[in-house]
Amino acid sequence: MAAITASMVGALRAKTDAPMMECKKALTEAEGDMDRAEEILRVKLGNKAGKAASRITAEGVIAIASRGNQGAMLEVNCETDFVSKNDAFLAFVKACAELIAESNPADVAALSALPLVQEGFGPTVEDVRRGLIGKIGENLALRRFSRFAGQASLASYLHGTRIGVVVQYSGSEVAAKDVAMHVAAMKPVALSQADVPTELVERERRIAAEKAAEDAATAVAAGKPAQSPEIVAKRVEGSVQKYLKEVSLFNQSFVKNDKQTVEQMLKAAATTVSGFTLYVVGDGIEKKVDDFAAEVAAQVAAARAQ
């Protein structure tokens, strides 16, 4: 069985807001598998275990460059929040976003090879990146970007420098910008229920089925009559449908008017949204958690060995 460390428990708690003991139990049951442990907590605690899932896990900034129907959004990571406010770093990110919009590089490697001179470094983006690493004293990484071009107009929104959204639309610019702000706040995963990735739907169905089974067993143990398989199946499907409404943009309640859905708001504004892209700094990156006790122990051991 995998050893469950304090740092693993702390990381799961930071991600889920679940109590420490529940995190330890879940990790033990999952044999150290963090994703499976999160699912176990969802079964036991419901949505309470997912409230912190969108927390920032690494530092950096999002930049957006947009000109008419052409634009780009870029994430660049650094090691500390302090550097994410550095003027030279911000200028580098802005210049890279503009290069993406203008030059349409195929990937990060192609972007790194584009010409750029900044702070006396160059002649390529990669040369500037390496130069800034030496000057600032932290690693800097061009993580990901998206480029937009076509018939659709672009509306964008930056929440500080940590959340960025680009919306592709036709119709009202005001409505489209409202949608961009809505996406930043509510973080949908798809335009409509039909667009939600199959793996996410199946994950929710599995969690709902496990929770229904656990609830049914608890009820029987308390002397209540067992629910029929049909009723359990309806509960599971009801949970899945609720999830689909919560994560699909068009079905979400509009943040500026919860009496209507985003779809209803767009219809009233004679506006069509054909796509959106959401970046959250550090999303999906596991931030290093220093084990202070282990570090001290290692230093003591090293000192004794001398």
Protein backbone atom coordinates (compact mmCIF):
# COMPACT_ATOMS: atom_id res chain seq x y z
CA MET A 1 0.00 0.00 0.00
CA ALA A 2 1.27 3.47 -0.89
CA ALA A 3 2.51 5.60 2.01
CA ILE A 4 0.18 8.53 2.71
CA THR A 5 2.27 11.57 3.61
CA ALA A 6 1.24 14.77 5.35
CA SER A 7 2.01 16.72 2.17
CA MET A 8 -0.40 14.51 0.20
CA VAL A 9 -3.14 15.09 2.76
CA GLY A 10 -2.44 18.82 2.70
CA ALA A 11 -2.55 18.95 -1.09
CA LEU A 12 -5.91 17.14 -1.18
CA ARG A 13 -7.32 19.42 1.49
CA ALA A 14 -6.15 22.51 -0.42
CA LYS A 15 -7.87 21.20 -3.52
CA THR A 16 -11.15 20.13 -1.92
CA ASP A 17 -11.62 22.01 1.39
CA ALA A 18 -12.50 18.65 2.98
CA PRO A 19 -11.50 17.95 6.63
CA MET A 20 -7.98 16.62 7.14
CA MET A 21 -9.09 13.25 8.51
CA GLU A 22 -11.50 12.74 5.60
CA CYS A 23 -8.68 13.54 3.18
CA LYS A 24 -6.41 11.00 4.87
CA LYS A 25 -9.13 8.32 4.80
CA ALA A 26 -9.85 9.00 1.13
CA LEU A 27 -6.16 8.82 0.17
CA THR A 28 -5.77 5.59 2.11
CA GLU A 29 -8.78 4.06 0.37
CA ALA A 30 -7.49 5.29 -3.00
CA GLU A 31 -3.99 3.94 -2.24
CA GLY A 32 -2.48 7.37 -2.82
CA ASP A 33 -4.25 8.13 -6.12
CA MET A 34 -5.12 11.84 -5.80
CA ASP A 35 -7.82 11.90 -8.49
CA ARG A 36 -9.54 8.81 -7.09
CA ALA A 37 -9.33 10.25 -3.56
CA GLU A 38 -11.11 13.39 -4.79
CA GLU A 39 -13.87 11.22 -6.27
CA ILE A 40 -14.24 9.37 -2.96
CA LEU A 41 -14.64 12.68 -1.14
CA ARG A 42 -17.25 13.77 -3.68
CA VAL A 43 -19.21 10.60 -2.91
CA LYS A 44 -18.97 11.11 0.84
CA LEU A 45 -19.30 14.88 1.04
CA GLY A 46 -21.09 15.85 -2.16
CA ASN A 47 -20.23 19.15 -3.85
CA LYS A 48 -18.62 20.43 -0.64
CA ALA A 49 -15.53 18.54 -1.68
CA GLY A 50 -15.13 20.43 -4.94
CA LYS A 51 -15.38 24.07 -3.88
CA ALA A 52 -11.65 24.73 -3.99
CA ALA A 53 -10.94 22.76 -7.17
CA SER A 54 -10.33 25.95 -9.16
CA ARG A 55 -7.69 27.40 -6.84
CA ILE A 56 -4.55 28.70 -8.45
CA THR A 57 -1.79 26.09 -8.32
CA ALA A 58 1.09 28.04 -9.95
CA GLU A 59 2.08 31.63 -10.57
CA GLY A 60 2.12 33.61 -13.82
CA VAL A 61 -0.08 35.77 -16.01
CA ILE A 62 -2.57 35.62 -18.86
CA ALA A 63 -2.28 38.13 -21.73
CA ILE A 64 -4.72 38.79 -24.59
CA ALA A 65 -3.96 40.52 -27.90
CA SER A 66 -6.95 41.29 -30.11
CA ARG A 67 -7.40 43.21 -33.36
CA GLY A 68 -10.77 42.88 -35.03
CA ASN A 69 -11.46 39.23 -35.78
CA GLN A 70 -7.89 38.20 -35.07
CA GLY A 71 -6.37 37.64 -31.64
CA ALA A 72 -4.50 35.45 -29.21
CA MET A 73 -4.47 34.47 -25.55
CA LEU A 74 -1.29 33.31 -23.82
CA GLU A 75 -0.30 31.94 -20.41
CA VAL A 76 3.27 32.36 -19.16
CA ASN A 77 4.28 30.88 -15.81
CA CYS A 78 6.82 32.00 -13.24
CA GLU A 79 7.73 30.79 -9.78
CA THR A 80 6.39 33.54 -7.49
CA ASP A 81 3.57 36.06 -7.39
CA PHE A 82 6.20 38.80 -6.95
CA VAL A 83 7.68 38.13 -10.41
CA SER A 84 4.20 38.02 -11.98
CA LYS A 85 4.06 41.79 -11.30
CA ASN A 86 7.54 42.51 -12.72
CA ASP A 87 7.39 45.12 -15.52
CA ALA A 88 9.94 43.35 -17.74
CA PHE A 89 8.10 40.05 -17.34
CA LEU A 90 4.73 41.63 -18.17
CA ALA A 91 6.20 43.37 -21.22
CA PHE A 92 7.61 40.05 -22.43
CA VAL A 93 4.24 38.31 -22.08
CA LYS A 94 2.42 41.15 -23.88
CA ALA A 95 4.95 41.09 -26.75
CA CYS A 96 4.58 37.32 -27.11
CA ALA A 97 0.78 37.54 -27.23
CA GLU A 98 1.01 40.13 -30.01
CA LEU A 99 3.48 37.93 -31.91
CA ILE A 100 1.05 35.00 -31.73
CA ALA A 101 -1.81 37.11 -33.10
CA GLU A 102 0.35 38.43 -35.95
CA SER A 103 2.47 35.41 -36.88
CA ASN A 104 0.28 32.39 -36.06
CA PRO A 105 3.01 30.06 -34.72
CA ALA A 106 2.08 26.37 -34.70
CA ASP A 107 3.14 25.70 -31.12
CA VAL A 108 5.28 26.96 -28.24
CA ALA A 109 8.47 25.83 -29.99
CA ALA A 110 7.56 27.86 -33.08
CA LEU A 111 6.68 30.86 -30.90
CA SER A 112 10.05 30.58 -29.16
CA ALA A 113 11.84 30.84 -32.50
CA LEU A 114 10.09 34.08 -33.56
CA PRO A 115 12.15 37.32 -33.62
CA LEU A 116 12.02 39.48 -30.50
CA VAL A 117 14.39 41.94 -28.81
CA GLN A 118 13.74 43.15 -25.26
CA GLU A 119 15.85 44.38 -22.34
CA GLY A 120 18.94 43.99 -24.49
CA PHE A 121 18.21 40.30 -25.10
CA GLY A 122 17.43 38.64 -28.43
CA PRO A 123 17.17 38.03 -31.32
CA THR A 124 14.43 35.43 -30.60
CA VAL A 125 11.68 34.93 -28.03
CA GLU A 126 13.68 32.08 -26.51
CA ASP A 127 16.76 34.29 -26.18
CA VAL A 128 14.70 36.94 -24.39
CA ARG A 129 13.17 34.32 -22.10
CA ARG A 130 16.58 32.97 -21.14
CA GLY A 131 17.93 36.48 -20.64
CA LEU A 132 15.06 37.42 -18.34
CA ILE A 133 15.56 34.22 -16.34
CA GLY A 134 19.12 35.34 -15.63
CA LYS A 135 18.09 38.92 -14.88
CA ILE A 136 15.02 38.17 -12.72
CA GLY A 137 16.36 35.01 -11.11
CA GLU A 138 13.32 32.79 -11.68
CA ASN A 139 12.34 30.22 -14.25
CA LEU A 140 9.85 31.51 -16.85
CA ALA A 141 7.82 29.12 -19.00
CA LEU A 142 5.69 29.77 -22.07
CA ARG A 143 2.95 27.30 -21.16
CA ARG A 144 0.12 27.51 -23.73
CA PHE A 145 -1.69 29.79 -26.16
CA SER A 146 -4.73 29.95 -28.39
CA ARG A 147 -5.02 31.97 -31.58
CA PHE A 148 -8.31 33.17 -33.06
CA ALA A 149 -9.05 34.14 -36.66
CA GLY A 150 -12.11 33.87 -38.87
CA GLN A 151 -15.50 35.41 -39.49
CA ALA A 152 -16.56 35.60 -35.82
CA SER A 153 -15.92 38.77 -33.84
CA LEU A 154 -13.90 38.55 -30.63
CA ALA A 155 -14.78 39.79 -27.15
CA SER A 156 -12.37 39.34 -24.27
CA TYR A 157 -12.11 39.79 -20.54
CA LEU A 158 -9.15 39.71 -18.16
CA HIS A 159 -9.75 39.35 -14.43
CA GLY A 160 -6.52 40.95 -13.30
CA THR A 161 -3.85 38.88 -15.02
CA ARG A 162 -4.89 35.49 -13.64
CA ILE A 163 -8.08 34.66 -15.55
CA GLY A 164 -8.58 35.29 -19.27
CA VAL A 165 -11.54 34.66 -21.56
CA VAL A 166 -12.02 35.08 -25.29
CA VAL A 167 -15.51 34.75 -26.76
CA GLN A 168 -16.24 34.27 -30.47
CA TYR A 169 -19.58 35.83 -31.43
CA SER A 170 -21.79 37.68 -33.88
CA GLY A 171 -24.18 40.40 -32.77
CA SER A 172 -23.91 42.69 -29.75
CA GLU A 173 -20.42 43.44 -28.45
CA VAL A 174 -21.89 44.41 -25.07
CA ALA A 175 -23.65 41.05 -24.72
CA ALA A 176 -20.53 39.19 -25.79
CA LYS A 177 -18.39 41.00 -23.21
CA ASP A 178 -20.99 40.17 -20.57
CA VAL A 179 -20.65 36.52 -21.57
CA ALA A 180 -16.86 36.74 -21.26
CA MET A 181 -17.21 38.08 -17.71
CA HIS A 182 -19.78 35.37 -16.96
CA VAL A 183 -17.38 32.65 -18.16
CA ALA A 184 -14.61 34.03 -15.93
CA ALA A 185 -16.93 33.90 -12.93
CA MET A 186 -18.81 30.63 -13.54
CA LYS A 187 -16.19 28.62 -15.48
CA PRO A 188 -18.41 26.51 -17.75
CA VAL A 189 -16.71 23.60 -19.53
CA ALA A 190 -18.75 23.70 -22.75
CA LEU A 191 -21.24 25.79 -24.73
CA SER A 192 -24.15 23.35 -24.39
CA GLN A 193 -24.97 20.12 -22.59
CA ALA A 194 -24.26 18.17 -25.78
CA ASP A 195 -20.73 19.61 -25.89
CA VAL A 196 -19.68 18.49 -22.40
CA PRO A 197 -16.85 15.94 -22.82
CA THR A 198 -17.98 12.33 -22.45
CA GLU A 199 -15.31 11.54 -19.86
CA LEU A 200 -16.62 14.30 -17.57
CA VAL A 201 -20.21 13.07 -17.91
CA GLU A 202 -19.19 9.49 -17.14
CA ARG A 203 -17.17 10.64 -14.14
CA GLU A 204 -20.20 12.45 -12.72
CA ARG A 205 -22.41 9.42 -13.42
CA ARG A 206 -19.97 7.16 -11.58
CA ILE A 207 -19.81 9.52 -8.60
CA ALA A 208 -23.62 9.85 -8.51
CA ALA A 209 -24.07 6.06 -8.67
CA GLU A 210 -21.60 5.48 -5.84
CA LYS A 211 -23.24 8.15 -3.71
CA ALA A 212 -26.72 6.73 -4.39
CA ALA A 213 -25.52 3.25 -3.40
CA GLU A 214 -23.93 4.58 -0.22
CA ASP A 215 -27.07 6.55 0.70
CA ALA A 216 -29.24 3.49 0.05
CA ALA A 217 -27.05 1.31 2.28
CA THR A 218 -27.18 3.93 5.05
CA ALA A 219 -30.99 4.07 4.80
CA VAL A 220 -31.34 0.28 5.02
CA ALA A 221 -29.00 0.19 8.01
CA ALA A 222 -31.27 2.75 9.70
CA GLY A 223 -34.28 0.47 9.16
CA LYS A 224 -35.77 2.30 6.19
CA PRO A 225 -37.12 0.38 3.18
CA ALA A 226 -34.73 -0.22 0.30
CA GLN A 227 -35.25 1.91 -2.79
CA SER A 228 -36.03 0.16 -6.06
CA PRO A 229 -33.35 0.05 -8.79
CA GLU A 230 -35.59 2.26 -10.92
CA ILE A 231 -35.72 4.99 -8.28
CA VAL A 232 -31.95 4.79 -7.77
CA ALA A 233 -31.41 5.05 -11.54
CA LYS A 234 -33.64 8.15 -11.67
CA ARG A 235 -31.66 9.75 -8.85
CA VAL A 236 -28.41 9.09 -10.67
CA GLU A 237 -29.72 10.49 -13.94
CA GLY A 238 -31.14 13.51 -12.12
CA SER A 239 -27.70 14.22 -10.65
CA VAL A 240 -26.08 13.95 -14.08
CA GLN A 241 -28.63 16.31 -15.65
CA LYS A 242 -28.10 18.81 -12.82
CA TYR A 243 -24.35 18.66 -13.46
CA LEU A 244 -24.81 19.23 -17.20
CA LYS A 245 -26.89 22.34 -16.57
CA GLU A 246 -24.32 23.66 -14.12
CA VAL A 247 -21.33 23.33 -16.47
CA SER A 248 -22.84 24.23 -19.87
CA LEU A 249 -22.67 27.94 -20.68
CA PHE A 250 -26.06 28.32 -22.35
CA ASN A 251 -27.89 26.64 -19.44
CA GLN A 252 -26.20 28.57 -16.65
CA SER A 253 -28.07 31.36 -14.88
CA PHE A 254 -26.68 34.65 -16.17
CA VAL A 255 -24.52 36.31 -13.49
CA LYS A 256 -26.05 39.75 -14.09
CA ASN A 257 -29.64 38.47 -13.99
CA ASP A 258 -30.26 35.07 -12.43
CA LYS A 259 -33.86 35.15 -13.66
CA GLN A 260 -32.67 34.18 -17.14
CA THR A 261 -30.15 31.79 -18.60
CA VAL A 262 -27.21 32.89 -20.71
CA GLU A 263 -29.00 31.46 -23.74
CA GLN A 264 -32.08 33.58 -23.01
CA MET A 265 -29.95 36.70 -22.52
CA LEU A 266 -28.20 36.15 -25.85
CA LYS A 267 -31.47 35.57 -27.66
CA ALA A 268 -32.88 38.83 -26.27
CA ALA A 269 -29.71 40.62 -27.45
CA ALA A 270 -29.88 39.01 -30.93
CA THR A 271 -26.37 37.63 -30.35
CA THR A 272 -24.85 34.25 -31.16
CA VAL A 273 -21.83 32.81 -29.33
CA SER A 274 -20.00 30.16 -31.33
CA GLY A 275 -17.18 29.44 -28.89
CA PHE A 276 -15.22 30.51 -25.85
CA THR A 277 -11.78 29.85 -24.41
CA LEU A 278 -11.01 30.14 -20.70
CA TYR A 279 -7.52 30.22 -19.18
CA VAL A 280 -6.85 30.22 -15.43
CA VAL A 281 -3.24 30.70 -14.39
CA GLY A 282 -1.76 27.44 -13.21
CA ASP A 283 -4.88 25.39 -13.94
CA GLY A 284 -3.84 21.75 -13.91
CA ILE A 285 -0.32 22.43 -12.67
CA GLU A 286 0.60 20.95 -9.30
CA LYS A 287 2.44 23.58 -7.31
CA LYS A 288 5.42 22.32 -5.35
CA VAL A 289 4.67 22.05 -1.63
CA ASP A 290 7.80 22.21 0.48
CA ASP A 291 7.95 19.64 3.29
CA PHE A 292 9.66 21.82 5.90
CA ALA A 293 10.05 19.04 8.47
CA ALA A 294 11.65 16.72 5.94
CA GLU A 295 13.96 19.51 4.76
CA VAL A 296 15.14 20.23 8.32
CA ALA A 297 15.63 16.52 9.01
CA ALA A 298 17.71 16.18 5.85
CA GLN A 299 19.89 19.15 6.83
CA VAL A 300 20.43 17.72 10.33
CA ALA A 301 21.36 14.34 8.89
CA ALA A 302 23.80 15.97 6.48
CA ALA A 303 25.41 17.97 9.31
CA ARG A 304 25.87 14.82 11.41
CA ALA A 305 27.47 13.02 8.50
CA GLN A 306 30.20 15.65 8.19
